[in-house]
PDB file of N, CA and C in Angstrom:
ATOM      1  N   MET A   1      -5.480   8.096 -10.781  1.00  0.00           N
ATOM      2  CA  MET A   1      -6.872   8.076 -10.424  1.00  0.00           C
ATOM      3  C   MET A   1      -7.192   9.421  -9.740  1.00  0.00           C
ATOM      4  N   LYS A   2      -8.279  10.047 -10.168  1.00  0.00           N
ATOM      5  CA  LYS A   2      -8.674  11.361  -9.591  1.00  0.00           C
ATOM      6  C   LYS A   2      -9.104  11.153  -8.151  1.00  0.00           C
ATOM      7  N   ALA A   3      -9.059  12.249  -7.366  1.00  0.00           N
ATOM      8  CA  ALA A   3      -9.360  12.194  -5.932  1.00  0.00           C
ATOM      9  C   ALA A   3     -10.768  11.660  -5.689  1.00  0.00           C
ATOM     10  N   GLU A   4     -11.742  12.133  -6.488  1.00  0.00           N
ATOM     11  CA  GLU A   4     -13.124  11.662  -6.303  1.00  0.00           C
ATOM     12  C   GLU A   4     -13.254  10.181  -6.565  1.00  0.00           C
ATOM     13  N   ALA A   5     -12.646   9.723  -7.642  1.00  0.00           N
ATOM     14  CA  ALA A   5     -12.680   8.307  -7.980  1.00  0.00           C
ATOM     15  C   ALA A   5     -11.965   7.457  -6.934  1.00  0.00           C
ATOM     16  N   LYS A   6     -10.848   7.947  -6.453  1.00  0.00           N
ATOM     17  CA  LYS A   6     -10.103   7.231  -5.422  1.00  0.00           C
ATOM     18  C   LYS A   6     -10.921   7.094  -4.134  1.00  0.00           C
ATOM     19  N   GLU A   7     -11.589   8.198  -3.752  1.00  0.00           N
ATOM     20  CA  GLU A   7     -12.429   8.151  -2.565  1.00  0.00           C
ATOM     21  C   GLU A   7     -13.566   7.137  -2.700  1.00  0.00           C
ATOM     22  N   ARG A   8     -14.195   7.165  -3.848  1.00  0.00           N
ATOM     23  CA  ARG A   8     -15.266   6.195  -4.107  1.00  0.00           C
ATOM     24  C   ARG A   8     -14.763   4.741  -4.113  1.00  0.00           C
ATOM     25  N   ALA A   9     -13.602   4.542  -4.702  1.00  0.00           N
ATOM     26  CA  ALA A   9     -13.021   3.200  -4.740  1.00  0.00           C
ATOM     27  C   ALA A   9     -12.668   2.740  -3.363  1.00  0.00           C
ATOM     28  N   THR A  10     -12.162   3.644  -2.556  1.00  0.00           N
ATOM     29  CA  THR A  10     -11.772   3.314  -1.164  1.00  0.00           C
ATOM     30  C   THR A  10     -12.999   2.944  -0.372  1.00  0.00           C
ATOM     31  N   LYS A  11     -14.074   3.718  -0.476  1.00  0.00           N
ATOM     32  CA  LYS A  11     -15.285   3.409   0.263  1.00  0.00           C
ATOM     33  C   LYS A  11     -15.839   2.057  -0.166  1.00  0.00           C
ATOM     34  N   ASN A  12     -15.837   1.797  -1.459  1.00  0.00           N
ATOM     35  CA  ASN A  12     -16.281   0.487  -1.971  1.00  0.00           C
ATOM     36  C   ASN A  12     -15.439  -0.630  -1.445  1.00  0.00           C
ATOM     37  N   ALA A  13     -14.132  -0.445  -1.460  1.00  0.00           N
ATOM     38  CA  ALA A  13     -13.224  -1.483  -0.975  1.00  0.00           C
ATOM     39  C   ALA A  13     -13.479  -1.773   0.512  1.00  0.00           C
ATOM     40  N   LEU A  14     -13.656  -0.773   1.290  1.00  0.00           N
ATOM     41  CA  LEU A  14     -13.900  -0.980   2.727  1.00  0.00           C
ATOM     42  C   LEU A  14     -15.212  -1.779   2.913  1.00  0.00           C
ATOM     43  N   ARG A  15     -16.226  -1.458   2.144  1.00  0.00           N
ATOM     44  CA  ARG A  15     -17.486  -2.192   2.252  1.00  0.00           C
ATOM     45  C   ARG A  15     -17.256  -3.683   1.862  1.00  0.00           C
ATOM     46  N   MET A  16     -16.530  -3.885   0.777  1.00  0.00           N
ATOM     47  CA  MET A  16     -16.213  -5.262   0.317  1.00  0.00           C
ATOM     48  C   MET A  16     -15.437  -6.050   1.357  1.00  0.00           C
ATOM     49  N   ILE A  17     -14.457  -5.392   1.972  1.00  0.00           N
ATOM     50  CA  ILE A  17     -13.643  -6.055   2.966  1.00  0.00           C
ATOM     51  C   ILE A  17     -14.518  -6.436   4.163  1.00  0.00           C
ATOM     52  N   LYS A  18     -15.365  -5.534   4.585  1.00  0.00           N
ATOM     53  CA  LYS A  18     -16.211  -5.777   5.748  1.00  0.00           C
ATOM     54  C   LYS A  18     -17.188  -6.937   5.496  1.00  0.00           C
ATOM     55  N   ARG A  19     -17.638  -7.063   4.263  1.00  0.00           N
ATOM     56  CA  ARG A  19     -18.537  -8.199   3.932  1.00  0.00           C
ATOM     57  C   ARG A  19     -17.812  -9.516   4.024  1.00  0.00           C
ATOM     58  N   GLY A  20     -16.522  -9.522   3.661  1.00  0.00           N
ATOM     59  CA  GLY A  20     -15.683 -10.701   3.847  1.00  0.00           C
ATOM     60  C   GLY A  20     -15.860 -11.804   2.857  1.00  0.00           C
ATOM     61  N   ASN A  21     -16.563 -11.558   1.728  1.00  0.00           N
ATOM     62  CA  ASN A  21     -16.775 -12.681   0.809  1.00  0.00           C
ATOM     63  C   ASN A  21     -15.959 -12.524  -0.501  1.00  0.00           C
ATOM     64  N   LEU A  22     -15.077 -11.578  -0.557  1.00  0.00           N
ATOM     65  CA  LEU A  22     -14.211 -11.436  -1.756  1.00  0.00           C
ATOM     66  C   LEU A  22     -12.762 -11.504  -1.377  1.00  0.00           C
ATOM     67  N   THR A  23     -11.942 -11.928  -2.293  1.00  0.00           N
ATOM     68  CA  THR A  23     -10.493 -11.961  -2.048  1.00  0.00           C
ATOM     69  C   THR A  23      -9.886 -10.574  -2.280  1.00  0.00           C
ATOM     70  N   ILE A  24      -8.688 -10.381  -1.785  1.00  0.00           N
ATOM     71  CA  ILE A  24      -7.982  -9.148  -2.015  1.00  0.00           C
ATOM     72  C   ILE A  24      -7.902  -8.892  -3.525  1.00  0.00           C
ATOM     73  N   GLU A  25      -7.531  -9.950  -4.252  1.00  0.00           N
ATOM     74  CA  GLU A  25      -7.369  -9.814  -5.712  1.00  0.00           C
ATOM     75  C   GLU A  25      -8.636  -9.358  -6.387  1.00  0.00           C
ATOM     76  N   GLU A  26      -9.756  -9.890  -5.947  1.00  0.00           N
ATOM     77  CA  GLU A  26     -11.057  -9.475  -6.541  1.00  0.00           C
ATOM     78  C   GLU A  26     -11.369  -8.031  -6.209  1.00  0.00           C
ATOM     79  N   ILE A  27     -11.100  -7.593  -4.983  1.00  0.00           N
ATOM     80  CA  ILE A  27     -11.335  -6.219  -4.621  1.00  0.00           C
ATOM     81  C   ILE A  27     -10.448  -5.283  -5.442  1.00  0.00           C
ATOM     82  N   VAL A  28      -9.165  -5.672  -5.662  1.00  0.00           N
ATOM     83  CA  VAL A  28      -8.279  -4.865  -6.486  1.00  0.00           C
ATOM     84  C   VAL A  28      -8.893  -4.778  -7.896  1.00  0.00           C
ATOM     85  N   GLU A  29      -9.337  -5.877  -8.439  1.00  0.00           N
ATOM     86  CA  GLU A  29      -9.904  -5.871  -9.807  1.00  0.00           C
ATOM     87  C   GLU A  29     -11.121  -4.998  -9.875  1.00  0.00           C
ATOM     88  N   TYR A  30     -11.990  -5.079  -8.887  1.00  0.00           N
ATOM     89  CA  TYR A  30     -13.295  -4.335  -8.944  1.00  0.00           C
ATOM     90  C   TYR A  30     -13.110  -2.833  -8.655  1.00  0.00           C
ATOM     91  N   THR A  31     -12.116  -2.485  -7.853  1.00  0.00           N
ATOM     92  CA  THR A  31     -11.991  -1.083  -7.447  1.00  0.00           C
ATOM     93  C   THR A  31     -10.908  -0.281  -8.223  1.00  0.00           C
ATOM     94  N   GLY A  32      -9.898  -0.960  -8.719  1.00  0.00           N
ATOM     95  CA  GLY A  32      -8.800  -0.289  -9.395  1.00  0.00           C
ATOM     96  C   GLY A  32      -7.753   0.215  -8.441  1.00  0.00           C
ATOM     97  N   LEU A  33      -7.918  -0.121  -7.145  1.00  0.00           N
ATOM     98  CA  LEU A  33      -6.890   0.227  -6.153  1.00  0.00           C
ATOM     99  C   LEU A  33      -5.744  -0.760  -6.280  1.00  0.00           C
ATOM    100  N   THR A  34      -4.606  -0.422  -5.677  1.00  0.00           N
ATOM    101  CA  THR A  34      -3.490  -1.361  -5.712  1.00  0.00           C
ATOM    102  C   THR A  34      -3.684  -2.444  -4.623  1.00  0.00           C
ATOM    103  N   GLU A  35      -2.992  -3.540  -4.827  1.00  0.00           N
ATOM    104  CA  GLU A  35      -3.088  -4.637  -3.856  1.00  0.00           C
ATOM    105  C   GLU A  35      -2.588  -4.150  -2.479  1.00  0.00           C
ATOM    106  N   GLU A  36      -1.563  -3.340  -2.494  1.00  0.00           N
ATOM    107  CA  GLU A  36      -1.004  -2.788  -1.252  1.00  0.00           C
ATOM    108  C   GLU A  36      -2.038  -1.940  -0.500  1.00  0.00           C
ATOM    109  N   GLU A  37      -2.745  -1.114  -1.251  1.00  0.00           N
ATOM    110  CA  GLU A  37      -3.766  -0.270  -0.621  1.00  0.00           C
ATOM    111  C   GLU A  37      -4.861  -1.128   0.002  1.00  0.00           C
ATOM    112  N   VAL A  38      -5.356  -2.129  -0.719  1.00  0.00           N
ATOM    113  CA  VAL A  38      -6.423  -2.986  -0.257  1.00  0.00           C
ATOM    114  C   VAL A  38      -5.989  -3.734   0.982  1.00  0.00           C
ATOM    115  N   ARG A  39      -4.751  -4.238   0.970  1.00  0.00           N
ATOM    116  CA  ARG A  39      -4.193  -4.964   2.148  1.00  0.00           C
ATOM    117  C   ARG A  39      -4.118  -4.025   3.337  1.00  0.00           C
ATOM    118  N   GLU A  40      -3.725  -2.802   3.144  1.00  0.00           N
ATOM    119  CA  GLU A  40      -3.647  -1.803   4.243  1.00  0.00           C
ATOM    120  C   GLU A  40      -5.009  -1.593   4.847  1.00  0.00           C
ATOM    121  N   TYR A  41      -6.030  -1.403   3.982  1.00  0.00           N
ATOM    122  CA  TYR A  41      -7.381  -1.197   4.468  1.00  0.00           C
ATOM    123  C   TYR A  41      -7.872  -2.440   5.235  1.00  0.00           C
ATOM    124  N   ALA A  42      -7.578  -3.628   4.751  1.00  0.00           N
ATOM    125  CA  ALA A  42      -7.991  -4.868   5.424  1.00  0.00           C
ATOM    126  C   ALA A  42      -7.329  -4.954   6.792  1.00  0.00           C
ATOM    127  N   GLU A  43      -6.086  -4.562   6.887  1.00  0.00           N
ATOM    128  CA  GLU A  43      -5.357  -4.584   8.211  1.00  0.00           C
ATOM    129  C   GLU A  43      -6.029  -3.591   9.151  1.00  0.00           C
ATOM    130  N   LEU A  44      -6.420  -2.418   8.667  1.00  0.00           N
ATOM    131  CA  LEU A  44      -7.074  -1.409   9.510  1.00  0.00           C
ATOM    132  C   LEU A  44      -8.386  -1.968  10.060  1.00  0.00           C
ATOM    133  N   ILE A  45      -9.138  -2.611   9.213  1.00  0.00           N
ATOM    134  CA  ILE A  45     -10.425  -3.138   9.614  1.00  0.00           C
ATOM    135  C   ILE A  45     -10.216  -4.294  10.629  1.00  0.00           C
ATOM    136  N   ALA A  46      -9.244  -5.132  10.407  1.00  0.00           N
ATOM    137  CA  ALA A  46      -8.990  -6.268  11.286  1.00  0.00           C
ATOM    138  C   ALA A  46      -8.537  -5.785  12.666  1.00  0.00           C
ATOM    139  N   GLY A  47      -7.934  -4.587  12.665  1.00  0.00           N
ATOM    140  CA  GLY A  47      -7.536  -3.874  13.844  1.00  0.00           C
ATOM    141  C   GLY A  47      -6.583  -4.597  14.727  1.00  0.00           C
TER     142      GLY A  47
END
């Protein structure tokens, strides 16, 4: 994944996580990020 696309996917994933209405698996599917990446972002947000 190119840097620009990864940055966009990350921003989208963070917004999706904050909304709280999607599963990790759905976010992975929609963004193209790995499950590990999405879980790490979710942990950061949960703080």
